[in-house]
N, C-alpha and C. Protein backbone atom coordinates (compact mmCIF):
# COMPACT_ATOMS: atom_id res chain seq x y z
N MET A 1 0.83 -1.19 0.00
CA MET A 1 0.00 0.00 0.00
C MET A 1 0.88 1.26 0.00
N LYS A 2 0.64 2.14 -0.97
CA LYS A 2 1.48 3.31 -1.10
C LYS A 2 0.71 4.55 -0.63
N LEU A 3 0.39 4.59 0.66
CA LEU A 3 -0.44 5.67 1.17
C LEU A 3 0.36 6.87 1.67
N SER A 4 1.63 6.70 1.98
CA SER A 4 2.39 7.79 2.58
C SER A 4 2.43 9.01 1.68
N ARG A 5 2.61 8.80 0.40
CA ARG A 5 2.68 9.91 -0.55
C ARG A 5 1.36 10.65 -0.61
N ILE A 6 0.26 9.90 -0.56
CA ILE A 6 -1.06 10.51 -0.63
C ILE A 6 -1.35 11.29 0.64
N LEU A 7 -1.02 10.71 1.79
CA LEU A 7 -1.27 11.39 3.06
C LEU A 7 -0.40 12.63 3.19
N PHE A 8 0.83 12.55 2.68
CA PHE A 8 1.72 13.70 2.73
C PHE A 8 1.16 14.85 1.90
N GLU A 9 0.61 14.53 0.75
CA GLU A 9 0.07 15.56 -0.13
C GLU A 9 -1.13 16.23 0.49
N GLY A 10 -1.95 15.48 1.20
CA GLY A 10 -3.14 16.04 1.83
C GLY A 10 -4.39 15.72 1.07
N ILE A 11 -5.37 15.19 1.78
CA ILE A 11 -6.66 14.85 1.18
C ILE A 11 -7.47 16.13 0.98
N ARG A 12 -8.20 16.18 -0.12
CA ARG A 12 -8.95 17.37 -0.49
C ARG A 12 -9.91 17.81 0.61
N SER A 13 -10.61 16.86 1.22
CA SER A 13 -11.57 17.17 2.26
C SER A 13 -10.96 16.97 3.64
N ALA A 14 -11.02 18.00 4.47
CA ALA A 14 -10.46 17.90 5.82
C ALA A 14 -11.26 16.95 6.69
N THR A 15 -12.48 16.63 6.27
CA THR A 15 -13.33 15.76 7.09
C THR A 15 -13.26 14.30 6.67
N PHE A 16 -12.54 14.00 5.59
CA PHE A 16 -12.42 12.61 5.14
C PHE A 16 -11.21 11.97 5.80
N ASP A 17 -11.43 10.90 6.52
CA ASP A 17 -10.38 10.20 7.24
C ASP A 17 -10.10 8.88 6.52
N LEU A 18 -8.97 8.81 5.84
CA LEU A 18 -8.64 7.62 5.04
C LEU A 18 -8.48 6.38 5.92
N LYS A 19 -7.89 6.55 7.09
CA LYS A 19 -7.73 5.41 7.98
C LYS A 19 -9.09 4.88 8.43
N TYR A 20 -10.01 5.78 8.73
CA TYR A 20 -11.36 5.36 9.11
C TYR A 20 -12.06 4.68 7.95
N PHE A 21 -11.92 5.26 6.76
CA PHE A 21 -12.54 4.69 5.56
C PHE A 21 -12.09 3.25 5.35
N LYS A 22 -10.81 2.97 5.55
CA LYS A 22 -10.27 1.62 5.33
C LYS A 22 -10.86 0.60 6.30
N LEU A 23 -11.37 1.08 7.43
CA LEU A 23 -11.93 0.16 8.43
C LEU A 23 -13.39 -0.18 8.18
N LEU A 24 -14.04 0.54 7.27
CA LEU A 24 -15.45 0.29 7.00
C LEU A 24 -15.63 -1.09 6.37
N GLU A 25 -16.66 -1.79 6.79
CA GLU A 25 -16.78 -3.20 6.44
C GLU A 25 -17.59 -3.48 5.18
N THR A 26 -18.46 -2.58 4.77
CA THR A 26 -19.31 -2.85 3.61
C THR A 26 -19.17 -1.77 2.55
N LEU A 27 -19.50 -2.13 1.32
CA LEU A 27 -19.47 -1.16 0.23
C LEU A 27 -20.47 -0.05 0.45
N ASP A 28 -21.62 -0.37 1.00
CA ASP A 28 -22.63 0.66 1.27
C ASP A 28 -22.07 1.72 2.22
N LYS A 29 -21.39 1.28 3.28
CA LYS A 29 -20.82 2.22 4.23
C LYS A 29 -19.69 3.03 3.61
N MET A 30 -18.89 2.39 2.78
CA MET A 30 -17.80 3.09 2.11
C MET A 30 -18.34 4.19 1.19
N ASN A 31 -19.34 3.83 0.39
CA ASN A 31 -19.92 4.80 -0.53
C ASN A 31 -20.64 5.91 0.20
N GLU A 32 -21.32 5.58 1.27
CA GLU A 32 -22.03 6.59 2.05
C GLU A 32 -21.05 7.58 2.67
N TYR A 33 -19.95 7.06 3.21
CA TYR A 33 -18.95 7.94 3.83
C TYR A 33 -18.29 8.83 2.78
N ALA A 34 -17.94 8.25 1.63
CA ALA A 34 -17.33 9.06 0.56
C ALA A 34 -18.31 10.11 0.05
N ASP A 35 -19.59 9.75 -0.07
CA ASP A 35 -20.62 10.70 -0.50
C ASP A 35 -20.69 11.91 0.42
N GLU A 36 -20.54 11.65 1.70
CA GLU A 36 -20.66 12.72 2.69
C GLU A 36 -19.45 13.64 2.74
N HIS A 37 -18.28 13.14 2.37
CA HIS A 37 -17.05 13.89 2.63
C HIS A 37 -16.20 14.22 1.41
N LEU A 38 -16.52 13.66 0.25
CA LEU A 38 -15.72 13.91 -0.95
C LEU A 38 -16.60 14.35 -2.11
N GLN A 39 -15.97 15.00 -3.08
CA GLN A 39 -16.68 15.40 -4.30
C GLN A 39 -16.76 14.21 -5.25
N LYS A 40 -17.97 13.87 -5.65
CA LYS A 40 -18.16 12.77 -6.61
C LYS A 40 -18.04 13.32 -8.02
N VAL A 41 -17.27 12.63 -8.87
CA VAL A 41 -17.06 13.12 -10.24
C VAL A 41 -17.51 12.13 -11.29
N GLY A 42 -17.92 10.93 -10.88
CA GLY A 42 -18.37 9.97 -11.87
C GLY A 42 -19.12 8.81 -11.24
N VAL A 43 -20.15 8.34 -11.96
CA VAL A 43 -20.90 7.17 -11.53
C VAL A 43 -21.12 6.29 -12.75
N GLY A 44 -20.62 5.05 -12.68
CA GLY A 44 -20.80 4.11 -13.77
C GLY A 44 -21.72 2.98 -13.35
N SER A 45 -21.80 1.98 -14.18
CA SER A 45 -22.67 0.84 -13.88
C SER A 45 -22.14 0.00 -12.73
N SER A 46 -20.84 0.13 -12.44
CA SER A 46 -20.26 -0.73 -11.42
C SER A 46 -19.40 -0.01 -10.38
N ARG A 47 -19.03 1.25 -10.66
CA ARG A 47 -18.14 1.96 -9.74
C ARG A 47 -18.52 3.43 -9.63
N ARG A 48 -18.07 4.04 -8.54
CA ARG A 48 -18.25 5.47 -8.31
C ARG A 48 -16.88 6.08 -8.07
N VAL A 49 -16.69 7.30 -8.58
CA VAL A 49 -15.38 7.94 -8.54
C VAL A 49 -15.47 9.25 -7.78
N PHE A 50 -14.53 9.46 -6.86
CA PHE A 50 -14.48 10.65 -6.02
C PHE A 50 -13.10 11.29 -6.11
N ILE A 51 -13.06 12.62 -5.97
CA ILE A 51 -11.77 13.32 -5.91
C ILE A 51 -11.24 13.21 -4.49
N LEU A 52 -10.09 12.56 -4.36
CA LEU A 52 -9.47 12.39 -3.05
C LEU A 52 -8.53 13.54 -2.73
N SER A 53 -7.80 13.99 -3.75
CA SER A 53 -6.86 15.11 -3.58
C SER A 53 -6.63 15.73 -4.96
N SER A 54 -5.69 16.65 -5.03
CA SER A 54 -5.43 17.31 -6.31
C SER A 54 -4.76 16.37 -7.30
N ARG A 55 -4.27 15.22 -6.83
CA ARG A 55 -3.58 14.29 -7.72
C ARG A 55 -4.19 12.89 -7.76
N TYR A 56 -5.12 12.59 -6.86
CA TYR A 56 -5.62 11.23 -6.76
C TYR A 56 -7.14 11.16 -6.69
N ALA A 57 -7.65 10.05 -7.24
CA ALA A 57 -9.09 9.76 -7.21
C ALA A 57 -9.31 8.46 -6.45
N LEU A 58 -10.49 8.33 -5.88
CA LEU A 58 -10.89 7.12 -5.17
C LEU A 58 -12.01 6.47 -5.96
N LYS A 59 -11.81 5.22 -6.39
CA LYS A 59 -12.83 4.47 -7.11
C LYS A 59 -13.36 3.37 -6.19
N ILE A 60 -14.68 3.34 -6.00
CA ILE A 60 -15.30 2.37 -5.11
C ILE A 60 -16.32 1.55 -5.88
N ALA A 61 -16.29 0.23 -5.73
CA ALA A 61 -17.35 -0.60 -6.32
C ALA A 61 -18.68 -0.17 -5.72
N ASN A 62 -19.71 -0.05 -6.55
CA ASN A 62 -20.94 0.56 -6.04
C ASN A 62 -21.83 -0.37 -5.24
N GLY A 63 -21.65 -1.68 -5.36
CA GLY A 63 -22.41 -2.59 -4.52
C GLY A 63 -23.83 -2.85 -4.97
N TYR A 64 -24.25 -2.26 -6.12
CA TYR A 64 -25.62 -2.45 -6.59
C TYR A 64 -25.85 -3.86 -7.13
N ASP A 65 -24.80 -4.49 -7.62
CA ASP A 65 -24.96 -5.79 -8.26
C ASP A 65 -24.23 -6.87 -7.44
N ASP A 66 -24.94 -7.74 -6.83
CA ASP A 66 -24.34 -8.91 -6.17
C ASP A 66 -23.08 -8.56 -5.39
N GLU A 67 -23.24 -7.63 -4.45
CA GLU A 67 -22.15 -7.22 -3.56
C GLU A 67 -20.97 -6.60 -4.31
N GLY A 68 -21.25 -5.95 -5.42
CA GLY A 68 -20.22 -5.19 -6.11
C GLY A 68 -19.22 -5.98 -6.91
N VAL A 69 -19.57 -7.19 -7.34
CA VAL A 69 -18.58 -8.04 -8.01
C VAL A 69 -18.06 -7.42 -9.30
N ARG A 70 -18.90 -6.70 -10.02
CA ARG A 70 -18.44 -6.09 -11.27
C ARG A 70 -17.41 -5.00 -11.01
N GLY A 71 -17.73 -4.13 -10.07
CA GLY A 71 -16.79 -3.06 -9.75
C GLY A 71 -15.50 -3.58 -9.15
N ILE A 72 -15.62 -4.61 -8.32
CA ILE A 72 -14.43 -5.23 -7.73
C ILE A 72 -13.56 -5.83 -8.82
N ALA A 73 -14.17 -6.51 -9.78
CA ALA A 73 -13.42 -7.12 -10.88
C ALA A 73 -12.70 -6.05 -11.71
N GLN A 74 -13.37 -4.93 -11.96
CA GLN A 74 -12.74 -3.87 -12.74
C GLN A 74 -11.62 -3.19 -11.95
N ASN A 75 -11.83 -3.00 -10.65
CA ASN A 75 -10.75 -2.45 -9.83
C ASN A 75 -9.53 -3.37 -9.85
N GLU A 76 -9.77 -4.66 -9.75
CA GLU A 76 -8.66 -5.62 -9.74
C GLU A 76 -7.91 -5.60 -11.07
N GLU A 77 -8.64 -5.51 -12.18
CA GLU A 77 -7.99 -5.45 -13.49
C GLU A 77 -7.13 -4.20 -13.62
N GLU A 78 -7.65 -3.06 -13.15
CA GLU A 78 -6.88 -1.83 -13.26
C GLU A 78 -5.63 -1.88 -12.39
N ALA A 79 -5.76 -2.45 -11.20
CA ALA A 79 -4.59 -2.60 -10.32
C ALA A 79 -3.55 -3.51 -10.97
N ARG A 80 -4.02 -4.57 -11.61
CA ARG A 80 -3.11 -5.52 -12.26
C ARG A 80 -2.43 -4.88 -13.47
N LEU A 81 -3.20 -4.27 -14.34
CA LEU A 81 -2.64 -3.70 -15.56
C LEU A 81 -1.73 -2.51 -15.26
N SER A 82 -2.05 -1.78 -14.22
CA SER A 82 -1.24 -0.61 -13.86
C SER A 82 0.20 -1.00 -13.52
N ASN A 83 0.40 -2.22 -13.08
CA ASN A 83 1.74 -2.68 -12.69
C ASN A 83 2.53 -3.32 -13.83
N ILE A 84 1.94 -3.36 -15.02
CA ILE A 84 2.64 -3.93 -16.17
C ILE A 84 3.43 -2.82 -16.86
N ARG A 85 4.72 -2.95 -16.84
CA ARG A 85 5.60 -1.87 -17.29
C ARG A 85 5.35 -1.47 -18.74
N ASP A 86 5.12 -2.43 -19.60
CA ASP A 86 5.01 -2.15 -21.04
C ASP A 86 3.84 -1.25 -21.39
N ILE A 87 2.80 -1.24 -20.55
CA ILE A 87 1.62 -0.43 -20.89
C ILE A 87 1.41 0.73 -19.92
N GLY A 88 2.32 0.87 -18.97
CA GLY A 88 2.16 1.90 -17.95
C GLY A 88 2.07 3.31 -18.49
N VAL A 89 2.65 3.56 -19.65
CA VAL A 89 2.67 4.90 -20.21
C VAL A 89 1.29 5.37 -20.65
N VAL A 90 0.33 4.46 -20.85
CA VAL A 90 -0.97 4.87 -21.37
C VAL A 90 -2.13 4.64 -20.41
N VAL A 91 -1.85 4.26 -19.15
CA VAL A 91 -2.94 4.04 -18.20
C VAL A 91 -2.72 4.86 -16.94
N ALA A 92 -3.83 5.26 -16.30
CA ALA A 92 -3.76 5.96 -15.02
C ALA A 92 -3.25 4.99 -13.96
N LYS A 93 -2.24 5.39 -13.22
CA LYS A 93 -1.59 4.51 -12.26
C LYS A 93 -2.46 4.28 -11.02
N VAL A 94 -2.53 3.03 -10.59
CA VAL A 94 -3.18 2.69 -9.33
C VAL A 94 -2.13 2.75 -8.23
N GLN A 95 -2.38 3.57 -7.21
CA GLN A 95 -1.41 3.77 -6.15
C GLN A 95 -1.64 2.86 -4.95
N SER A 96 -2.90 2.47 -4.72
CA SER A 96 -3.21 1.69 -3.54
C SER A 96 -4.56 1.00 -3.74
N HIS A 97 -4.79 -0.05 -2.97
CA HIS A 97 -6.08 -0.75 -3.01
C HIS A 97 -6.20 -1.61 -1.78
N ASP A 98 -7.43 -2.02 -1.45
CA ASP A 98 -7.57 -2.95 -0.34
C ASP A 98 -7.40 -4.37 -0.85
N ASP A 99 -7.31 -5.31 0.06
CA ASP A 99 -7.02 -6.69 -0.32
C ASP A 99 -8.10 -7.31 -1.20
N GLU A 100 -9.31 -6.81 -1.09
CA GLU A 100 -10.43 -7.37 -1.86
C GLU A 100 -10.75 -6.55 -3.10
N TYR A 101 -10.02 -5.48 -3.34
CA TYR A 101 -10.22 -4.59 -4.49
C TYR A 101 -11.59 -3.92 -4.47
N ARG A 102 -12.13 -3.71 -3.29
CA ARG A 102 -13.39 -2.99 -3.20
C ARG A 102 -13.19 -1.53 -3.57
N TRP A 103 -12.00 -1.02 -3.31
CA TRP A 103 -11.65 0.35 -3.68
C TRP A 103 -10.21 0.39 -4.18
N ILE A 104 -9.94 1.38 -5.02
CA ILE A 104 -8.57 1.66 -5.45
C ILE A 104 -8.35 3.16 -5.38
N ILE A 105 -7.12 3.54 -5.14
CA ILE A 105 -6.71 4.94 -5.24
C ILE A 105 -5.84 5.05 -6.48
N GLN A 106 -6.24 5.96 -7.36
CA GLN A 106 -5.65 6.04 -8.69
C GLN A 106 -5.32 7.49 -9.01
N GLU A 107 -4.41 7.68 -9.95
CA GLU A 107 -4.14 9.04 -10.41
C GLU A 107 -5.44 9.72 -10.82
N LEU A 108 -5.58 10.97 -10.43
CA LEU A 108 -6.73 11.75 -10.86
C LEU A 108 -6.53 12.15 -12.32
N VAL A 109 -7.49 11.81 -13.15
CA VAL A 109 -7.40 12.09 -14.58
C VAL A 109 -8.56 12.97 -14.99
N ARG A 110 -8.25 14.10 -15.57
CA ARG A 110 -9.30 15.04 -16.00
C ARG A 110 -9.57 14.84 -17.48
N PRO A 111 -10.84 14.86 -17.88
CA PRO A 111 -11.19 14.63 -19.29
C PRO A 111 -10.52 15.65 -20.21
N LEU A 112 -10.19 15.21 -21.41
CA LEU A 112 -9.63 16.12 -22.41
C LEU A 112 -10.72 17.08 -22.88
N LYS A 113 -10.38 18.36 -23.01
CA LYS A 113 -11.34 19.34 -23.49
C LYS A 113 -11.53 19.25 -25.00
N SER A 114 -10.51 18.75 -25.69
CA SER A 114 -10.57 18.64 -27.15
C SER A 114 -9.52 17.64 -27.60
N TRP A 115 -9.64 17.20 -28.87
CA TRP A 115 -8.60 16.34 -29.42
C TRP A 115 -7.29 17.11 -29.56
N GLY A 116 -7.39 18.43 -29.63
CA GLY A 116 -6.18 19.24 -29.71
C GLY A 116 -5.27 19.03 -28.53
N GLU A 117 -5.85 18.80 -27.34
CA GLU A 117 -5.04 18.51 -26.16
C GLU A 117 -4.29 17.20 -26.33
N PHE A 118 -4.98 16.20 -26.87
CA PHE A 118 -4.35 14.91 -27.14
C PHE A 118 -3.14 15.11 -28.05
N ASP A 119 -3.34 15.86 -29.13
CA ASP A 119 -2.28 16.07 -30.11
C ASP A 119 -1.09 16.79 -29.50
N SER A 120 -1.35 17.88 -28.75
CA SER A 120 -0.26 18.69 -28.23
C SER A 120 0.52 17.98 -27.12
N ILE A 121 -0.17 17.17 -26.31
CA ILE A 121 0.51 16.50 -25.20
C ILE A 121 1.30 15.28 -25.68
N THR A 122 0.67 14.47 -26.55
CA THR A 122 1.35 13.25 -27.00
C THR A 122 2.37 13.54 -28.10
N GLY A 123 2.16 14.62 -28.85
CA GLY A 123 3.04 14.92 -29.97
C GLY A 123 2.65 14.20 -31.24
N TYR A 124 1.49 13.52 -31.22
CA TYR A 124 1.01 12.79 -32.39
C TYR A 124 -0.39 13.25 -32.76
N SER A 125 -0.70 13.22 -34.05
CA SER A 125 -2.05 13.51 -34.50
C SER A 125 -2.98 12.38 -34.08
N HIS A 126 -4.03 12.72 -33.35
CA HIS A 126 -4.96 11.66 -32.91
C HIS A 126 -5.62 10.98 -34.10
N GLN A 127 -5.85 11.73 -35.18
CA GLN A 127 -6.49 11.15 -36.36
C GLN A 127 -5.61 10.06 -36.97
N GLU A 128 -4.32 10.35 -37.09
CA GLU A 128 -3.41 9.36 -37.64
C GLU A 128 -3.22 8.20 -36.67
N LEU A 129 -3.01 8.53 -35.41
CA LEU A 129 -2.74 7.51 -34.41
C LEU A 129 -3.92 6.56 -34.23
N LEU A 130 -5.11 7.11 -34.02
CA LEU A 130 -6.28 6.27 -33.80
C LEU A 130 -6.71 5.59 -35.09
N GLY A 131 -6.46 6.23 -36.22
CA GLY A 131 -6.75 5.58 -37.49
C GLY A 131 -5.90 4.33 -37.68
N ILE A 132 -4.63 4.43 -37.30
CA ILE A 132 -3.74 3.27 -37.38
C ILE A 132 -4.23 2.15 -36.46
N LEU A 133 -4.66 2.51 -35.27
CA LEU A 133 -5.10 1.52 -34.29
C LEU A 133 -6.36 0.80 -34.72
N GLU A 134 -7.15 1.42 -35.57
CA GLU A 134 -8.39 0.80 -36.03
C GLU A 134 -8.15 -0.20 -37.17
N GLN A 135 -6.95 -0.20 -37.71
CA GLN A 135 -6.65 -1.11 -38.81
C GLN A 135 -6.54 -2.54 -38.29
N PRO A 136 -6.88 -3.52 -39.13
CA PRO A 136 -6.90 -4.93 -38.68
C PRO A 136 -5.54 -5.61 -38.66
N PHE A 137 -4.54 -4.94 -38.07
CA PHE A 137 -3.25 -5.59 -37.89
C PHE A 137 -3.36 -6.55 -36.72
N SER A 138 -2.72 -7.69 -36.85
CA SER A 138 -2.87 -8.70 -35.79
C SER A 138 -2.06 -8.37 -34.55
N ASP A 139 -0.98 -7.63 -34.71
CA ASP A 139 -0.18 -7.27 -33.54
C ASP A 139 0.75 -6.12 -33.89
N TYR A 140 1.54 -5.70 -32.93
CA TYR A 140 2.41 -4.55 -33.13
C TYR A 140 3.49 -4.82 -34.17
N GLN A 141 3.94 -6.04 -34.27
CA GLN A 141 4.96 -6.36 -35.27
C GLN A 141 4.41 -6.12 -36.68
N ASP A 142 3.16 -6.50 -36.91
CA ASP A 142 2.55 -6.21 -38.20
C ASP A 142 2.54 -4.72 -38.46
N PHE A 143 2.23 -3.95 -37.42
CA PHE A 143 2.23 -2.49 -37.57
C PHE A 143 3.61 -1.98 -37.97
N ARG A 144 4.63 -2.48 -37.30
CA ARG A 144 5.99 -2.02 -37.60
C ARG A 144 6.40 -2.41 -39.01
N GLU A 145 5.95 -3.54 -39.47
CA GLU A 145 6.30 -3.98 -40.81
C GLU A 145 5.57 -3.18 -41.89
N ASN A 146 4.45 -2.59 -41.52
CA ASN A 146 3.68 -1.81 -42.48
C ASN A 146 4.04 -0.32 -42.45
N TYR A 147 4.84 0.08 -41.46
CA TYR A 147 5.32 1.45 -41.39
C TYR A 147 6.84 1.38 -41.29
N GLU A 148 7.50 2.31 -41.89
CA GLU A 148 8.95 2.26 -41.93
C GLU A 148 9.54 2.25 -40.53
N GLU A 149 10.59 1.47 -40.35
CA GLU A 149 11.19 1.29 -39.03
C GLU A 149 11.65 2.60 -38.41
N ASP A 150 12.07 3.54 -39.25
CA ASP A 150 12.58 4.78 -38.69
C ASP A 150 11.50 5.85 -38.54
N SER A 151 10.24 5.50 -38.81
CA SER A 151 9.18 6.49 -38.65
C SER A 151 8.94 6.76 -37.18
N GLU A 152 8.51 7.97 -36.88
CA GLU A 152 8.28 8.37 -35.48
C GLU A 152 7.20 7.51 -34.84
N LEU A 153 6.14 7.25 -35.58
CA LEU A 153 5.04 6.45 -35.03
C LEU A 153 5.47 5.00 -34.79
N ALA A 154 6.23 4.44 -35.69
CA ALA A 154 6.62 3.04 -35.55
C ALA A 154 7.48 2.82 -34.31
N ASN A 155 8.21 3.83 -33.91
CA ASN A 155 9.10 3.70 -32.76
C ASN A 155 8.56 4.36 -31.50
N SER A 156 7.29 4.69 -31.50
CA SER A 156 6.68 5.37 -30.37
C SER A 156 6.34 4.40 -29.24
N ASP A 157 6.81 4.69 -28.02
CA ASP A 157 6.43 3.89 -26.85
C ASP A 157 4.93 3.98 -26.61
N PHE A 158 4.36 5.13 -26.92
CA PHE A 158 2.92 5.34 -26.73
C PHE A 158 2.12 4.39 -27.62
N VAL A 159 2.49 4.33 -28.90
CA VAL A 159 1.80 3.44 -29.84
C VAL A 159 2.04 1.98 -29.46
N ALA A 160 3.26 1.65 -29.10
CA ALA A 160 3.58 0.28 -28.72
C ALA A 160 2.74 -0.16 -27.53
N ALA A 161 2.57 0.73 -26.56
CA ALA A 161 1.77 0.39 -25.39
C ALA A 161 0.31 0.16 -25.76
N LEU A 162 -0.21 0.95 -26.68
CA LEU A 162 -1.59 0.76 -27.12
C LEU A 162 -1.77 -0.59 -27.79
N TYR A 163 -0.81 -0.97 -28.60
CA TYR A 163 -0.90 -2.28 -29.25
C TYR A 163 -0.83 -3.41 -28.23
N LYS A 164 0.01 -3.24 -27.23
CA LYS A 164 0.16 -4.29 -26.22
C LYS A 164 -1.08 -4.42 -25.34
N LEU A 165 -1.88 -3.34 -25.23
CA LEU A 165 -3.11 -3.43 -24.45
C LEU A 165 -4.03 -4.53 -24.98
N LYS A 166 -3.95 -4.77 -26.28
CA LYS A 166 -4.81 -5.80 -26.86
C LYS A 166 -4.48 -7.17 -26.28
N ASP A 167 -3.22 -7.40 -25.93
CA ASP A 167 -2.83 -8.67 -25.33
C ASP A 167 -3.44 -8.86 -23.95
N TYR A 168 -3.87 -7.75 -23.35
CA TYR A 168 -4.43 -7.82 -22.00
C TYR A 168 -5.95 -7.63 -22.00
N GLY A 169 -6.57 -7.79 -23.17
CA GLY A 169 -8.02 -7.82 -23.22
C GLY A 169 -8.71 -6.51 -23.50
N LEU A 170 -7.98 -5.49 -23.91
CA LEU A 170 -8.62 -4.22 -24.29
C LEU A 170 -8.57 -4.08 -25.80
N GLU A 171 -9.73 -3.91 -26.41
CA GLU A 171 -9.83 -3.83 -27.86
C GLU A 171 -9.63 -2.39 -28.33
N PHE A 172 -9.10 -2.26 -29.52
CA PHE A 172 -8.79 -0.93 -30.04
C PHE A 172 -10.04 -0.06 -30.22
N GLU A 173 -11.18 -0.69 -30.51
CA GLU A 173 -12.38 0.13 -30.67
C GLU A 173 -12.78 0.80 -29.36
N ASP A 174 -12.27 0.28 -28.24
CA ASP A 174 -12.54 0.89 -26.95
C ASP A 174 -11.58 2.02 -26.62
N LEU A 175 -10.64 2.28 -27.52
CA LEU A 175 -9.61 3.28 -27.26
C LEU A 175 -9.73 4.52 -28.14
N THR A 176 -10.76 4.59 -28.96
CA THR A 176 -10.80 5.62 -29.99
C THR A 176 -11.71 6.80 -29.69
N GLY A 177 -12.43 6.79 -28.58
CA GLY A 177 -13.29 7.91 -28.23
C GLY A 177 -12.60 8.89 -27.31
N ARG A 178 -12.81 10.18 -27.52
CA ARG A 178 -12.13 11.19 -26.69
C ARG A 178 -12.52 11.07 -25.22
N ALA A 179 -13.76 10.65 -24.94
CA ALA A 179 -14.23 10.53 -23.56
C ALA A 179 -13.46 9.47 -22.77
N GLN A 180 -12.76 8.60 -23.48
CA GLN A 180 -12.01 7.54 -22.81
C GLN A 180 -10.59 7.96 -22.43
N TRP A 181 -10.23 9.18 -22.82
CA TRP A 181 -8.88 9.68 -22.55
C TRP A 181 -8.94 10.90 -21.64
N GLY A 182 -7.86 11.10 -20.89
CA GLY A 182 -7.77 12.28 -20.04
C GLY A 182 -6.32 12.62 -19.79
N LYS A 183 -6.09 13.66 -19.00
CA LYS A 183 -4.71 14.05 -18.69
C LYS A 183 -4.52 14.07 -17.18
N THR A 184 -3.32 13.70 -16.78
CA THR A 184 -2.96 13.63 -15.37
C THR A 184 -2.41 14.98 -14.90
N ALA A 185 -2.16 15.07 -13.60
CA ALA A 185 -1.63 16.30 -13.03
C ALA A 185 -0.25 16.64 -13.59
N ASP A 186 0.51 15.62 -14.00
CA ASP A 186 1.82 15.88 -14.59
C ASP A 186 1.77 15.91 -16.12
N ASN A 187 0.57 16.14 -16.65
CA ASN A 187 0.37 16.42 -18.08
C ASN A 187 0.70 15.24 -18.98
N ARG A 188 0.23 14.04 -18.61
CA ARG A 188 0.31 12.87 -19.47
C ARG A 188 -1.09 12.51 -19.93
N VAL A 189 -1.20 12.03 -21.16
CA VAL A 189 -2.47 11.53 -21.67
C VAL A 189 -2.56 10.04 -21.36
N VAL A 190 -3.65 9.64 -20.67
CA VAL A 190 -3.82 8.25 -20.27
C VAL A 190 -5.28 7.85 -20.40
N LEU A 191 -5.53 6.55 -20.33
CA LEU A 191 -6.89 6.03 -20.32
C LEU A 191 -7.53 6.30 -18.98
N LEU A 192 -8.77 6.78 -19.01
CA LEU A 192 -9.52 7.06 -17.79
C LEU A 192 -9.99 5.79 -17.10
N ASP A 193 -10.49 4.85 -17.90
CA ASP A 193 -11.16 3.66 -17.37
C ASP A 193 -10.76 2.47 -18.24
N TYR A 194 -10.04 1.52 -17.65
CA TYR A 194 -9.57 0.39 -18.44
C TYR A 194 -9.80 -0.94 -17.74
N GLY A 195 -10.79 -0.97 -16.86
CA GLY A 195 -11.09 -2.20 -16.14
C GLY A 195 -11.99 -3.16 -16.88
N GLY A 196 -12.61 -2.68 -17.95
CA GLY A 196 -13.54 -3.53 -18.70
C GLY A 196 -12.86 -4.38 -19.74
N THR A 197 -11.98 -5.25 -19.30
CA THR A 197 -11.29 -6.14 -20.23
C THR A 197 -12.24 -7.23 -20.73
N SER A 198 -11.80 -7.95 -21.75
CA SER A 198 -12.66 -9.00 -22.32
C SER A 198 -13.00 -10.06 -21.28
N ASP A 199 -12.06 -10.39 -20.39
CA ASP A 199 -12.33 -11.39 -19.37
C ASP A 199 -13.42 -10.92 -18.40
N VAL A 200 -13.34 -9.66 -17.99
CA VAL A 200 -14.35 -9.11 -17.09
C VAL A 200 -15.71 -9.04 -17.76
N LEU A 201 -15.74 -8.59 -19.00
CA LEU A 201 -17.01 -8.48 -19.71
C LEU A 201 -17.65 -9.85 -19.93
N GLU A 202 -16.82 -10.82 -20.26
CA GLU A 202 -17.35 -12.18 -20.51
C GLU A 202 -17.88 -12.80 -19.22
N GLN A 203 -17.23 -12.56 -18.12
CA GLN A 203 -17.63 -13.21 -16.87
C GLN A 203 -18.76 -12.50 -16.14
N TYR A 204 -18.83 -11.15 -16.27
CA TYR A 204 -19.77 -10.43 -15.42
C TYR A 204 -20.85 -9.65 -16.16
N TYR A 205 -20.75 -9.57 -17.49
CA TYR A 205 -21.75 -8.78 -18.23
C TYR A 205 -22.45 -9.63 -19.28
């Protein structure tokens, strides 16, 4: 658990006690406490997202479906994928989680205001980049063989990471909408939500 950095930075709400939150036994109590003390910024079918500080967000399984199994599964996938070095450049980092993955603390990611932000931050045209990703190449090696080895895109760690995401159950069609991307406090473009892998969707949806 990497909580020292978060506690040092300071939680956005002076009334939110992270140590107390960790002791809560049910998802209902966790969500109720977060509702009372933190700003909520997102509600999905399986998870709720709160601003914990200027750099971190708290994602909690919502508990509406069979004790939150869908949200827990997505939290676990994000915690797992966040630790894979090859794709770390394109996903919001998970900093901490409980043993059951009922909640995770993750980099706070703000939605992109326009595709222009994507272009200026990554240094690549989103139209070219996402257009390439939509092509039916079977893997990154095929991509490299179809683009010259010395081209900027062919040697991009960003593009390579996107291609490798497919190996972990994220399809390229899930990566092409602007709403799925955001920027971190240190000005990196990353995926906002990447817990819906093929394994999770097949098992829980």
